[in-house]
Amino acid sequence: MLRPEDVEKILTTHDLSAYLKDMVKREDLDLNIDIDYESGELFINCQGFSNGLAILVDTFGVWCIREAISEKNDGIFTQGTKSYHTENTVTVIRAVARWIGDIEKSSRSATKR
């Protein structure tokens, strides 16, 4: 469960990447989620899925969440044109949680087939 003191500690994409890596490890999600922090930008994707997220913080402290797409599902992602801007860290965490939930749901559907 997300506590207010957790959110207060997440100020940068590096902080967010550390939090998400810990959360995925703690929740023992068997999804092969890749959380890659690189030069101020955070990329989140899951092996076998064609969409992911790119997250960064601009110079004014505003979070920018972009869709990352792999057209050939080959692990090479490009940033989509859709983006969402927010000043609330909780909104970013909720967006990531929603994305993980969608991946879990898709993964379960594929397993049932």
PDB file of N, CA and C in Angstrom:
ATOM      1  N   MET A   1       0.840  -1.179   0.000  1.00  0.00           N
ATOM      2  CA  MET A   1       0.000   0.000   0.000  1.00  0.00           C
ATOM      3  C   MET A   1       0.884   1.241   0.000  1.00  0.00           C
ATOM      4  N   LEU A   2       0.495   2.203  -0.766  1.00  0.00           N
ATOM      5  CA  LEU A   2       1.247   3.440  -0.888  1.00  0.00           C
ATOM      6  C   LEU A   2       0.942   4.354   0.290  1.00  0.00           C
ATOM      7  N   ARG A   3       1.986   4.776   0.970  1.00  0.00           N
ATOM      8  CA  ARG A   3       1.826   5.664   2.111  1.00  0.00           C
ATOM      9  C   ARG A   3       2.233   7.077   1.714  1.00  0.00           C
ATOM     10  N   PRO A   4       1.656   8.093   2.362  1.00  0.00           N
ATOM     11  CA  PRO A   4       2.007   9.486   2.025  1.00  0.00           C
ATOM     12  C   PRO A   4       3.495   9.764   2.146  1.00  0.00           C
ATOM     13  N   GLU A   5       4.156   9.161   3.135  1.00  0.00           N
ATOM     14  CA  GLU A   5       5.594   9.412   3.293  1.00  0.00           C
ATOM     15  C   GLU A   5       6.406   8.816   2.141  1.00  0.00           C
ATOM     16  N   ASP A   6       5.873   7.779   1.479  1.00  0.00           N
ATOM     17  CA  ASP A   6       6.545   7.231   0.299  1.00  0.00           C
ATOM     18  C   ASP A   6       6.520   8.240  -0.838  1.00  0.00           C
ATOM     19  N   VAL A   7       5.367   8.848  -1.032  1.00  0.00           N
ATOM     20  CA  VAL A   7       5.208   9.811  -2.127  1.00  0.00           C
ATOM     21  C   VAL A   7       6.105  11.019  -1.910  1.00  0.00           C
ATOM     22  N   GLU A   8       6.238  11.454  -0.686  1.00  0.00           N
ATOM     23  CA  GLU A   8       7.063  12.624  -0.382  1.00  0.00           C
ATOM     24  C   GLU A   8       8.541  12.383  -0.690  1.00  0.00           C
ATOM     25  N   LYS A   9       8.971  11.134  -0.698  1.00  0.00           N
ATOM     26  CA  LYS A   9      10.366  10.794  -0.972  1.00  0.00           C
ATOM     27  C   LYS A   9      10.664  10.708  -2.466  1.00  0.00           C
ATOM     28  N   ILE A  10       9.634  10.593  -3.284  1.00  0.00           N
ATOM     29  CA  ILE A  10       9.825  10.432  -4.731  1.00  0.00           C
ATOM     30  C   ILE A  10       9.776  11.807  -5.390  1.00  0.00           C
ATOM     31  N   LEU A  11      10.944  12.319  -5.734  1.00  0.00           N
ATOM     32  CA  LEU A  11      11.041  13.646  -6.328  1.00  0.00           C
ATOM     33  C   LEU A  11      11.590  13.623  -7.743  1.00  0.00           C
ATOM     34  N   THR A  12      12.295  12.551  -8.084  1.00  0.00           N
ATOM     35  CA  THR A  12      12.930  12.463  -9.397  1.00  0.00           C
ATOM     36  C   THR A  12      12.593  11.123 -10.042  1.00  0.00           C
ATOM     37  N   THR A  13      12.931  10.985 -11.316  1.00  0.00           N
ATOM     38  CA  THR A  13      12.710   9.706 -11.988  1.00  0.00           C
ATOM     39  C   THR A  13      13.613   8.623 -11.394  1.00  0.00           C
ATOM     40  N   HIS A  14      14.769   9.005 -10.888  1.00  0.00           N
ATOM     41  CA  HIS A  14      15.646   8.037 -10.230  1.00  0.00           C
ATOM     42  C   HIS A  14      14.976   7.496  -8.972  1.00  0.00           C
ATOM     43  N   ASP A  15      14.387   8.385  -8.164  1.00  0.00           N
ATOM     44  CA  ASP A  15      13.657   7.959  -6.967  1.00  0.00           C
ATOM     45  C   ASP A  15      12.500   7.036  -7.340  1.00  0.00           C
ATOM     46  N   LEU A  16      11.795   7.406  -8.399  1.00  0.00           N
ATOM     47  CA  LEU A  16      10.660   6.598  -8.844  1.00  0.00           C
ATOM     48  C   LEU A  16      11.121   5.224  -9.318  1.00  0.00           C
ATOM     49  N   SER A  17      12.234   5.162 -10.040  1.00  0.00           N
ATOM     50  CA  SER A  17      12.724   3.866 -10.523  1.00  0.00           C
ATOM     51  C   SER A  17      13.099   2.961  -9.353  1.00  0.00           C
ATOM     52  N   ALA A  18      13.739   3.519  -8.331  1.00  0.00           N
ATOM     53  CA  ALA A  18      14.103   2.727  -7.149  1.00  0.00           C
ATOM     54  C   ALA A  18      12.847   2.229  -6.436  1.00  0.00           C
ATOM     55  N   TYR A  19      11.855   3.083  -6.298  1.00  0.00           N
ATOM     56  CA  TYR A  19      10.601   2.705  -5.648  1.00  0.00           C
ATOM     57  C   TYR A  19       9.907   1.585  -6.423  1.00  0.00           C
ATOM     58  N   LEU A  20       9.830   1.733  -7.750  1.00  0.00           N
ATOM     59  CA  LEU A  20       9.136   0.731  -8.568  1.00  0.00           C
ATOM     60  C   LEU A  20       9.873  -0.603  -8.579  1.00  0.00           C
ATOM     61  N   LYS A  21      11.195  -0.555  -8.656  1.00  0.00           N
ATOM     62  CA  LYS A  21      11.965  -1.809  -8.617  1.00  0.00           C
ATOM     63  C   LYS A  21      11.722  -2.542  -7.310  1.00  0.00           C
ATOM     64  N   ASP A  22      11.701  -1.799  -6.207  1.00  0.00           N
ATOM     65  CA  ASP A  22      11.443  -2.405  -4.910  1.00  0.00           C
ATOM     66  C   ASP A  22      10.026  -2.964  -4.843  1.00  0.00           C
ATOM     67  N   MET A  23       9.059  -2.216  -5.370  1.00  0.00           N
ATOM     68  CA  MET A  23       7.675  -2.648  -5.339  1.00  0.00           C
ATOM     69  C   MET A  23       7.470  -3.916  -6.163  1.00  0.00           C
ATOM     70  N   VAL A  24       8.024  -3.965  -7.352  1.00  0.00           N
ATOM     71  CA  VAL A  24       7.875  -5.136  -8.217  1.00  0.00           C
ATOM     72  C   VAL A  24       8.528  -6.350  -7.561  1.00  0.00           C
ATOM     73  N   LYS A  25       9.691  -6.139  -6.953  1.00  0.00           N
ATOM     74  CA  LYS A  25      10.384  -7.234  -6.257  1.00  0.00           C
ATOM     75  C   LYS A  25       9.577  -7.708  -5.050  1.00  0.00           C
ATOM     76  N   ARG A  26       9.050  -6.766  -4.278  1.00  0.00           N
ATOM     77  CA  ARG A  26       8.297  -7.089  -3.069  1.00  0.00           C
ATOM     78  C   ARG A  26       6.982  -7.797  -3.393  1.00  0.00           C
ATOM     79  N   GLU A  27       6.315  -7.356  -4.460  1.00  0.00           N
ATOM     80  CA  GLU A  27       5.037  -7.951  -4.851  1.00  0.00           C
ATOM     81  C   GLU A  27       5.236  -9.272  -5.592  1.00  0.00           C
ATOM     82  N   ASP A  28       6.487  -9.569  -5.954  1.00  0.00           N
ATOM     83  CA  ASP A  28       6.817 -10.806  -6.651  1.00  0.00           C
ATOM     84  C   ASP A  28       5.976 -10.988  -7.914  1.00  0.00           C
ATOM     85  N   LEU A  29       5.933  -9.940  -8.708  1.00  0.00           N
ATOM     86  CA  LEU A  29       5.188  -9.995  -9.966  1.00  0.00           C
ATOM     87  C   LEU A  29       5.985 -10.806 -10.972  1.00  0.00           C
ATOM     88  N   ASP A  30       5.416 -11.846 -11.467  1.00  0.00           N
ATOM     89  CA  ASP A  30       6.086 -12.737 -12.411  1.00  0.00           C
ATOM     90  C   ASP A  30       5.785 -12.299 -13.837  1.00  0.00           C
ATOM     91  N   LEU A  31       6.131 -11.045 -14.149  1.00  0.00           N
ATOM     92  CA  LEU A  31       5.769 -10.478 -15.447  1.00  0.00           C
ATOM     93  C   LEU A  31       6.971 -10.058 -16.287  1.00  0.00           C
ATOM     94  N   ASN A  32       8.170 -10.164 -15.768  1.00  0.00           N
ATOM     95  CA  ASN A  32       9.375  -9.701 -16.472  1.00  0.00           C
ATOM     96  C   ASN A  32       9.290  -8.222 -16.825  1.00  0.00           C
ATOM     97  N   ILE A  33       8.868  -7.414 -15.858  1.00  0.00           N
ATOM     98  CA  ILE A  33       8.787  -5.965 -16.064  1.00  0.00           C
ATOM     99  C   ILE A  33      10.199  -5.404 -16.009  1.00  0.00           C
ATOM    100  N   ASP A  34      10.541  -4.620 -17.026  1.00  0.00           N
ATOM    101  CA  ASP A  34      11.861  -3.998 -17.107  1.00  0.00           C
ATOM    102  C   ASP A  34      11.721  -2.525 -16.743  1.00  0.00           C
ATOM    103  N   ILE A  35      12.417  -2.110 -15.693  1.00  0.00           N
ATOM    104  CA  ILE A  35      12.407  -0.721 -15.250  1.00  0.00           C
ATOM    105  C   ILE A  35      13.809  -0.192 -15.481  1.00  0.00           C
ATOM    106  N   ASP A  36      13.947   0.687 -16.472  1.00  0.00           N
ATOM    107  CA  ASP A  36      15.262   1.142 -16.908  1.00  0.00           C
ATOM    108  C   ASP A  36      15.373   2.655 -16.747  1.00  0.00           C
ATOM    109  N   TYR A  37      16.237   3.071 -15.828  1.00  0.00           N
ATOM    110  CA  TYR A  37      16.489   4.496 -15.623  1.00  0.00           C
ATOM    111  C   TYR A  37      17.714   4.881 -16.433  1.00  0.00           C
ATOM    112  N   GLU A  38      17.557   5.906 -17.258  1.00  0.00           N
ATOM    113  CA  GLU A  38      18.659   6.295 -18.129  1.00  0.00           C
ATOM    114  C   GLU A  38      18.677   7.801 -18.323  1.00  0.00           C
ATOM    115  N   SER A  39      19.684   8.467 -17.823  1.00  0.00           N
ATOM    116  CA  SER A  39      19.902   9.898 -18.034  1.00  0.00           C
ATOM    117  C   SER A  39      18.678  10.761 -17.740  1.00  0.00           C
ATOM    118  N   GLY A  40      18.032  10.518 -16.627  1.00  0.00           N
ATOM    119  CA  GLY A  40      16.908  11.354 -16.230  1.00  0.00           C
ATOM    120  C   GLY A  40      15.556  10.889 -16.715  1.00  0.00           C
ATOM    121  N   GLU A  41      15.539   9.885 -17.571  1.00  0.00           N
ATOM    122  CA  GLU A  41      14.272   9.370 -18.088  1.00  0.00           C
ATOM    123  C   GLU A  41      14.101   7.914 -17.667  1.00  0.00           C
ATOM    124  N   LEU A  42      12.883   7.567 -17.334  1.00  0.00           N
ATOM    125  CA  LEU A  42      12.554   6.231 -16.868  1.00  0.00           C
ATOM    126  C   LEU A  42      11.721   5.525 -17.927  1.00  0.00           C
ATOM    127  N   PHE A  43      12.156   4.333 -18.327  1.00  0.00           N
ATOM    128  CA  PHE A  43      11.409   3.523 -19.282  1.00  0.00           C
ATOM    129  C   PHE A  43      10.914   2.277 -18.579  1.00  0.00           C
ATOM    130  N   ILE A  44       9.643   1.979 -18.760  1.00  0.00           N
ATOM    131  CA  ILE A  44       9.048   0.796 -18.155  1.00  0.00           C
ATOM    132  C   ILE A  44       8.386  -0.005 -19.261  1.00  0.00           C
ATOM    133  N   ASN A  45       8.779  -1.262 -19.387  1.00  0.00           N
ATOM    134  CA  ASN A  45       8.144  -2.121 -20.376  1.00  0.00           C
ATOM    135  C   ASN A  45       8.115  -3.546 -19.846  1.00  0.00           C
ATOM    136  N   CYS A  46       7.436  -4.394 -20.574  1.00  0.00           N
ATOM    137  CA  CYS A  46       7.299  -5.776 -20.165  1.00  0.00           C
ATOM    138  C   CYS A  46       7.560  -6.654 -21.382  1.00  0.00           C
ATOM    139  N   GLN A  47       8.438  -7.615 -21.203  1.00  0.00           N
ATOM    140  CA  GLN A  47       8.804  -8.513 -22.287  1.00  0.00           C
ATOM    141  C   GLN A  47       7.560  -9.182 -22.868  1.00  0.00           C
ATOM    142  N   GLY A  48       7.427  -9.127 -24.192  1.00  0.00           N
ATOM    143  CA  GLY A  48       6.299  -9.756 -24.864  1.00  0.00           C
ATOM    144  C   GLY A  48       5.121  -8.823 -25.110  1.00  0.00           C
ATOM    145  N   PHE A  49       5.195  -7.583 -24.629  1.00  0.00           N
ATOM    146  CA  PHE A  49       4.119  -6.620 -24.831  1.00  0.00           C
ATOM    147  C   PHE A  49       4.639  -5.439 -25.641  1.00  0.00           C
ATOM    148  N   SER A  50       3.778  -4.878 -26.470  1.00  0.00           N
ATOM    149  CA  SER A  50       4.215  -3.841 -27.403  1.00  0.00           C
ATOM    150  C   SER A  50       4.091  -2.424 -26.860  1.00  0.00           C
ATOM    151  N   ASN A  51       3.578  -2.260 -25.646  1.00  0.00           N
ATOM    152  CA  ASN A  51       3.483  -0.898 -25.121  1.00  0.00           C
ATOM    153  C   ASN A  51       4.179  -0.796 -23.772  1.00  0.00           C
ATOM    154  N   GLY A  52       4.613   0.404 -23.477  1.00  0.00           N
ATOM    155  CA  GLY A  52       5.292   0.685 -22.220  1.00  0.00           C
ATOM    156  C   GLY A  52       5.098   2.144 -21.866  1.00  0.00           C
ATOM    157  N   LEU A  53       5.863   2.621 -20.902  1.00  0.00           N
ATOM    158  CA  LEU A  53       5.772   4.008 -20.468  1.00  0.00           C
ATOM    159  C   LEU A  53       7.158   4.642 -20.418  1.00  0.00           C
ATOM    160  N   ALA A  54       7.217   5.904 -20.765  1.00  0.00           N
ATOM    161  CA  ALA A  54       8.422   6.710 -20.604  1.00  0.00           C
ATOM    162  C   ALA A  54       8.040   7.862 -19.678  1.00  0.00           C
ATOM    163  N   ILE A  55       8.793   8.060 -18.616  1.00  0.00           N
ATOM    164  CA  ILE A  55       8.451   9.070 -17.620  1.00  0.00           C
ATOM    165  C   ILE A  55       9.664   9.956 -17.372  1.00  0.00           C
ATOM    166  N   LEU A  56       9.431  11.260 -17.332  1.00  0.00           N
ATOM    167  CA  LEU A  56      10.496  12.188 -16.989  1.00  0.00           C
ATOM    168  C   LEU A  56       9.918  13.370 -16.231  1.00  0.00           C
ATOM    169  N   VAL A  57      10.802  14.150 -15.639  1.00  0.00           N
ATOM    170  CA  VAL A  57      10.413  15.368 -14.938  1.00  0.00           C
ATOM    171  C   VAL A  57      11.065  16.518 -15.686  1.00  0.00           C
ATOM    172  N   ASP A  58      10.257  17.530 -16.065  1.00  0.00           N
ATOM    173  CA  ASP A  58      10.843  18.656 -16.799  1.00  0.00           C
ATOM    174  C   ASP A  58      11.526  19.627 -15.842  1.00  0.00           C
ATOM    175  N   THR A  59      12.073  20.691 -16.376  1.00  0.00           N
ATOM    176  CA  THR A  59      12.840  21.639 -15.565  1.00  0.00           C
ATOM    177  C   THR A  59      11.990  22.384 -14.537  1.00  0.00           C
ATOM    178  N   PHE A  60      10.675  22.353 -14.692  1.00  0.00           N
ATOM    179  CA  PHE A  60       9.783  23.028 -13.753  1.00  0.00           C
ATOM    180  C   PHE A  60       9.215  22.070 -12.704  1.00  0.00           C
ATOM    181  N   GLY A  61       9.656  20.818 -12.717  1.00  0.00           N
ATOM    182  CA  GLY A  61       9.188  19.839 -11.745  1.00  0.00           C
ATOM    183  C   GLY A  61       7.878  19.174 -12.115  1.00  0.00           C
ATOM    184  N   VAL A  62       7.491  19.274 -13.378  1.00  0.00           N
ATOM    185  CA  VAL A  62       6.254  18.655 -13.839  1.00  0.00           C
ATOM    186  C   VAL A  62       6.579  17.282 -14.425  1.00  0.00           C
ATOM    187  N   TRP A  63       5.842  16.276 -13.983  1.00  0.00           N
ATOM    188  CA  TRP A  63       6.006  14.919 -14.504  1.00  0.00           C
ATOM    189  C   TRP A  63       5.393  14.840 -15.890  1.00  0.00           C
ATOM    190  N   CYS A  64       6.063  14.151 -16.781  1.00  0.00           N
ATOM    191  CA  CYS A  64       5.551  13.906 -18.125  1.00  0.00           C
ATOM    192  C   CYS A  64       5.538  12.395 -18.352  1.00  0.00           C
ATOM    193  N   ILE A  65       4.353  11.867 -18.615  1.00  0.00           N
ATOM    194  CA  ILE A  65       4.198  10.432 -18.858  1.00  0.00           C
ATOM    195  C   ILE A  65       3.882  10.266 -20.340  1.00  0.00           C
ATOM    196  N   ARG A  66       4.704   9.485 -21.026  1.00  0.00           N
ATOM    197  CA  ARG A  66       4.490   9.237 -22.458  1.00  0.00           C
ATOM    198  C   ARG A  66       4.328   7.747 -22.709  1.00  0.00           C
ATOM    199  N   GLU A  67       3.556   7.462 -23.708  1.00  0.00           N
ATOM    200  CA  GLU A  67       3.406   6.080 -24.141  1.00  0.00           C
ATOM    201  C   GLU A  67       4.636   5.685 -24.947  1.00  0.00           C
ATOM    202  N   ALA A  68       5.151   4.501 -24.713  1.00  0.00           N
ATOM    203  CA  ALA A  68       6.260   3.962 -25.505  1.00  0.00           C
ATOM    204  C   ALA A  68       5.721   2.760 -26.272  1.00  0.00           C
ATOM    205  N   ILE A  69       6.030   2.705 -27.553  1.00  0.00           N
ATOM    206  CA  ILE A  69       5.453   1.675 -28.412  1.00  0.00           C
ATOM    207  C   ILE A  69       6.552   0.916 -29.140  1.00  0.00           C
ATOM    208  N   SER A  70       6.398  -0.405 -29.201  1.00  0.00           N
ATOM    209  CA  SER A  70       7.272  -1.260 -29.994  1.00  0.00           C
ATOM    210  C   SER A  70       6.410  -1.836 -31.121  1.00  0.00           C
ATOM    211  N   GLU A  71       6.520  -1.273 -32.303  1.00  0.00           N
ATOM    212  CA  GLU A  71       5.647  -1.671 -33.411  1.00  0.00           C
ATOM    213  C   GLU A  71       5.816  -3.133 -33.804  1.00  0.00           C
ATOM    214  N   LYS A  72       7.047  -3.630 -33.767  1.00  0.00           N
ATOM    215  CA  LYS A  72       7.298  -5.014 -34.175  1.00  0.00           C
ATOM    216  C   LYS A  72       7.394  -5.951 -32.971  1.00  0.00           C
ATOM    217  N   ASN A  73       7.123  -5.405 -31.782  1.00  0.00           N
ATOM    218  CA  ASN A  73       7.212  -6.177 -30.541  1.00  0.00           C
ATOM    219  C   ASN A  73       8.581  -6.855 -30.412  1.00  0.00           C
ATOM    220  N   ASP A  74       9.619  -6.099 -30.764  1.00  0.00           N
ATOM    221  CA  ASP A  74      10.986  -6.633 -30.760  1.00  0.00           C
ATOM    222  C   ASP A  74      11.845  -6.064 -29.629  1.00  0.00           C
ATOM    223  N   GLY A  75      11.210  -5.340 -28.710  1.00  0.00           N
ATOM    224  CA  GLY A  75      11.954  -4.766 -27.595  1.00  0.00           C
ATOM    225  C   GLY A  75      12.551  -3.405 -27.878  1.00  0.00           C
ATOM    226  N   ILE A  76      12.378  -2.906 -29.104  1.00  0.00           N
ATOM    227  CA  ILE A  76      12.855  -1.572 -29.453  1.00  0.00           C
ATOM    228  C   ILE A  76      11.652  -0.638 -29.422  1.00  0.00           C
ATOM    229  N   PHE A  77      11.683   0.322 -28.497  1.00  0.00           N
ATOM    230  CA  PHE A  77      10.543   1.198 -28.272  1.00  0.00           C
ATOM    231  C   PHE A  77      10.803   2.603 -28.790  1.00  0.00           C
ATOM    232  N   THR A  78       9.768   3.230 -29.301  1.00  0.00           N
ATOM    233  CA  THR A  78       9.788   4.640 -29.654  1.00  0.00           C
ATOM    234  C   THR A  78       8.688   5.320 -28.856  1.00  0.00           C
ATOM    235  N   GLN A  79       8.874   6.597 -28.591  1.00  0.00           N
ATOM    236  CA  GLN A  79       7.873   7.313 -27.819  1.00  0.00           C
ATOM    237  C   GLN A  79       6.706   7.703 -28.702  1.00  0.00           C
ATOM    238  N   GLY A  80       5.513   7.449 -28.198  1.00  0.00           N
ATOM    239  CA  GLY A  80       4.300   7.818 -28.912  1.00  0.00           C
ATOM    240  C   GLY A  80       4.038   9.311 -28.793  1.00  0.00           C
ATOM    241  N   THR A  81       3.004   9.762 -29.453  1.00  0.00           N
ATOM    242  CA  THR A  81       2.674  11.179 -29.439  1.00  0.00           C
ATOM    243  C   THR A  81       1.819  11.564 -28.236  1.00  0.00           C
ATOM    244  N   LYS A  82       1.191  10.584 -27.599  1.00  0.00           N
ATOM    245  CA  LYS A  82       0.351  10.874 -26.442  1.00  0.00           C
ATOM    246  C   LYS A  82       1.218  11.113 -25.216  1.00  0.00           C
ATOM    247  N   SER A  83       0.916  12.202 -24.499  1.00  0.00           N
ATOM    248  CA  SER A  83       1.623  12.450 -23.248  1.00  0.00           C
ATOM    249  C   SER A  83       0.664  13.082 -22.252  1.00  0.00           C
ATOM    250  N   TYR A  84       0.982  12.913 -20.987  1.00  0.00           N
ATOM    251  CA  TYR A  84       0.171  13.465 -19.916  1.00  0.00           C
ATOM    252  C   TYR A  84       1.106  14.172 -18.951  1.00  0.00           C
ATOM    253  N   HIS A  85       0.733  15.364 -18.539  1.00  0.00           N
ATOM    254  CA  HIS A  85       1.561  16.163 -17.639  1.00  0.00           C
ATOM    255  C   HIS A  85       0.835  16.349 -16.310  1.00  0.00           C
ATOM    256  N   THR A  86       1.572  16.214 -15.221  1.00  0.00           N
ATOM    257  CA  THR A  86       0.990  16.386 -13.898  1.00  0.00           C
ATOM    258  C   THR A  86       2.055  16.835 -12.911  1.00  0.00           C
ATOM    259  N   GLU A  87       1.631  17.523 -11.873  1.00  0.00           N
ATOM    260  CA  GLU A  87       2.539  17.903 -10.797  1.00  0.00           C
ATOM    261  C   GLU A  87       2.450  16.920  -9.643  1.00  0.00           C
ATOM    262  N   ASN A  88       1.490  16.002  -9.698  1.00  0.00           N
ATOM    263  CA  ASN A  88       1.245  15.072  -8.608  1.00  0.00           C
ATOM    264  C   ASN A  88       1.961  13.744  -8.809  1.00  0.00           C
ATOM    265  N   THR A  89       2.835  13.411  -7.891  1.00  0.00           N
ATOM    266  CA  THR A  89       3.564  12.145  -7.947  1.00  0.00           C
ATOM    267  C   THR A  89       2.605  10.966  -7.837  1.00  0.00           C
ATOM    268  N   VAL A  90       1.551  11.122  -7.047  1.00  0.00           N
ATOM    269  CA  VAL A  90       0.577  10.048  -6.889  1.00  0.00           C
ATOM    270  C   VAL A  90      -0.055   9.695  -8.230  1.00  0.00           C
ATOM    271  N   THR A  91      -0.308  10.683  -9.060  1.00  0.00           N
ATOM    272  CA  THR A  91      -0.896  10.444 -10.378  1.00  0.00           C
ATOM    273  C   THR A  91       0.034   9.589 -11.229  1.00  0.00           C
ATOM    274  N   VAL A  92       1.330   9.840 -11.148  1.00  0.00           N
ATOM    275  CA  VAL A  92       2.316   9.061 -11.897  1.00  0.00           C
ATOM    276  C   VAL A  92       2.319   7.614 -11.411  1.00  0.00           C
ATOM    277  N   ILE A  93       2.325   7.436 -10.099  1.00  0.00           N
ATOM    278  CA  ILE A  93       2.331   6.087  -9.535  1.00  0.00           C
ATOM    279  C   ILE A  93       1.053   5.349  -9.903  1.00  0.00           C
ATOM    280  N   ARG A  94      -0.065   6.056  -9.902  1.00  0.00           N
ATOM    281  CA  ARG A  94      -1.330   5.434 -10.301  1.00  0.00           C
ATOM    282  C   ARG A  94      -1.311   5.036 -11.772  1.00  0.00           C
ATOM    283  N   ALA A  95      -0.704   5.861 -12.614  1.00  0.00           N
ATOM    284  CA  ALA A  95      -0.605   5.527 -14.041  1.00  0.00           C
ATOM    285  C   ALA A  95       0.231   4.265 -14.239  1.00  0.00           C
ATOM    286  N   VAL A  96       1.327   4.160 -13.516  1.00  0.00           N
ATOM    287  CA  VAL A  96       2.180   2.966 -13.606  1.00  0.00           C
ATOM    288  C   VAL A  96       1.423   1.747 -13.075  1.00  0.00           C
ATOM    289  N   ALA A  97       0.719   1.927 -11.958  1.00  0.00           N
ATOM    290  CA  ALA A  97      -0.057   0.817 -11.383  1.00  0.00           C
ATOM    291  C   ALA A  97      -1.134   0.356 -12.364  1.00  0.00           C
ATOM    292  N   ARG A  98      -1.768   1.281 -13.037  1.00  0.00           N
ATOM    293  CA  ARG A  98      -2.792   0.933 -14.023  1.00  0.00           C
ATOM    294  C   ARG A  98      -2.163   0.154 -15.182  1.00  0.00           C
ATOM    295  N   TRP A  99      -0.994   0.606 -15.637  1.00  0.00           N
ATOM    296  CA  TRP A  99      -0.302  -0.074 -16.723  1.00  0.00           C
ATOM    297  C   TRP A  99       0.057  -1.499 -16.302  1.00  0.00           C
ATOM    298  N   ILE A 100       0.578  -1.653 -15.080  1.00  0.00           N
ATOM    299  CA  ILE A 100       0.913  -2.991 -14.584  1.00  0.00           C
ATOM    300  C   ILE A 100      -0.342  -3.850 -14.495  1.00  0.00           C
ATOM    301  N   GLY A 101      -1.440  -3.271 -14.025  1.00  0.00           N
ATOM    302  CA  GLY A 101      -2.706  -4.006 -13.956  1.00  0.00           C
ATOM    303  C   GLY A 101      -3.161  -4.474 -15.327  1.00  0.00           C
ATOM    304  N   ASP A 102      -3.018  -3.618 -16.324  1.00  0.00           N
ATOM    305  CA  ASP A 102      -3.383  -4.000 -17.695  1.00  0.00           C
ATOM    306  C   ASP A 102      -2.500  -5.132 -18.206  1.00  0.00           C
ATOM    307  N   ILE A 103      -1.205  -5.077 -17.897  1.00  0.00           N
ATOM    308  CA  ILE A 103      -0.276  -6.130 -18.304  1.00  0.00           C
ATOM    309  C   ILE A 103      -0.650  -7.444 -17.623  1.00  0.00           C
ATOM    310  N   GLU A 104      -0.953  -7.384 -16.313  1.00  0.00           N
ATOM    311  CA  GLU A 104      -1.365  -8.595 -15.590  1.00  0.00           C
ATOM    312  C   GLU A 104      -2.623  -9.198 -16.204  1.00  0.00           C
ATOM    313  N   LYS A 105      -3.583  -8.351 -16.499  1.00  0.00           N
ATOM    314  CA  LYS A 105      -4.851  -8.819 -17.080  1.00  0.00           C
ATOM    315  C   LYS A 105      -4.607  -9.455 -18.452  1.00  0.00           C
ATOM    316  N   SER A 106      -3.808  -8.809 -19.270  1.00  0.00           N
ATOM    317  CA  SER A 106      -3.493  -9.363 -20.598  1.00  0.00           C
ATOM    318  C   SER A 106      -2.732 -10.677 -20.491  1.00  0.00           C
ATOM    319  N   SER A 107      -1.828 -10.719 -19.515  1.00  0.00           N
ATOM    320  CA  SER A 107      -1.035 -11.931 -19.311  1.00  0.00           C
ATOM    321  C   SER A 107      -1.924 -13.110 -18.898  1.00  0.00           C
ATOM    322  N   ARG A 108      -2.879 -12.854 -18.004  1.00  0.00           N
ATOM    323  CA  ARG A 108      -3.803 -13.899 -17.582  1.00  0.00           C
ATOM    324  C   ARG A 108      -4.688 -14.363 -18.728  1.00  0.00           C
ATOM    325  N   SER A 109      -5.129 -13.413 -19.558  1.00  0.00           N
ATOM    326  CA  SER A 109      -5.981 -13.757 -20.715  1.00  0.00           C
ATOM    327  C   SER A 109      -5.220 -14.628 -21.700  1.00  0.00           C
ATOM    328  N   ALA A 110      -3.959 -14.311 -21.936  1.00  0.00           N
ATOM    329  CA  ALA A 110      -3.143 -15.078 -22.880  1.00  0.00           C
ATOM    330  C   ALA A 110      -2.864 -16.480 -22.349  1.00  0.00           C
ATOM    331  N   THR A 111      -2.738 -16.611 -21.025  1.00  0.00           N
ATOM    332  CA  THR A 111      -2.462 -17.907 -20.415  1.00  0.00           C
ATOM    333  C   THR A 111      -3.675 -18.833 -20.504  1.00  0.00           C
ATOM    334  N   LYS A 112      -4.869 -18.265 -20.439  1.00  0.00           N
ATOM    335  CA  LYS A 112      -6.100 -19.063 -20.479  1.00  0.00           C
ATOM    336  C   LYS A 112      -6.375 -19.647 -21.851  1.00  0.00           C
ATOM    337  N   ARG A 113      -5.813 -19.039 -22.873  1.00  0.00           N
ATOM    338  CA  ARG A 113      -6.095 -19.496 -24.253  1.00  0.00           C
ATOM    339  C   ARG A 113      -5.495 -20.804 -24.554  1.00  0.00           C
TER     340      ARG A 113
END
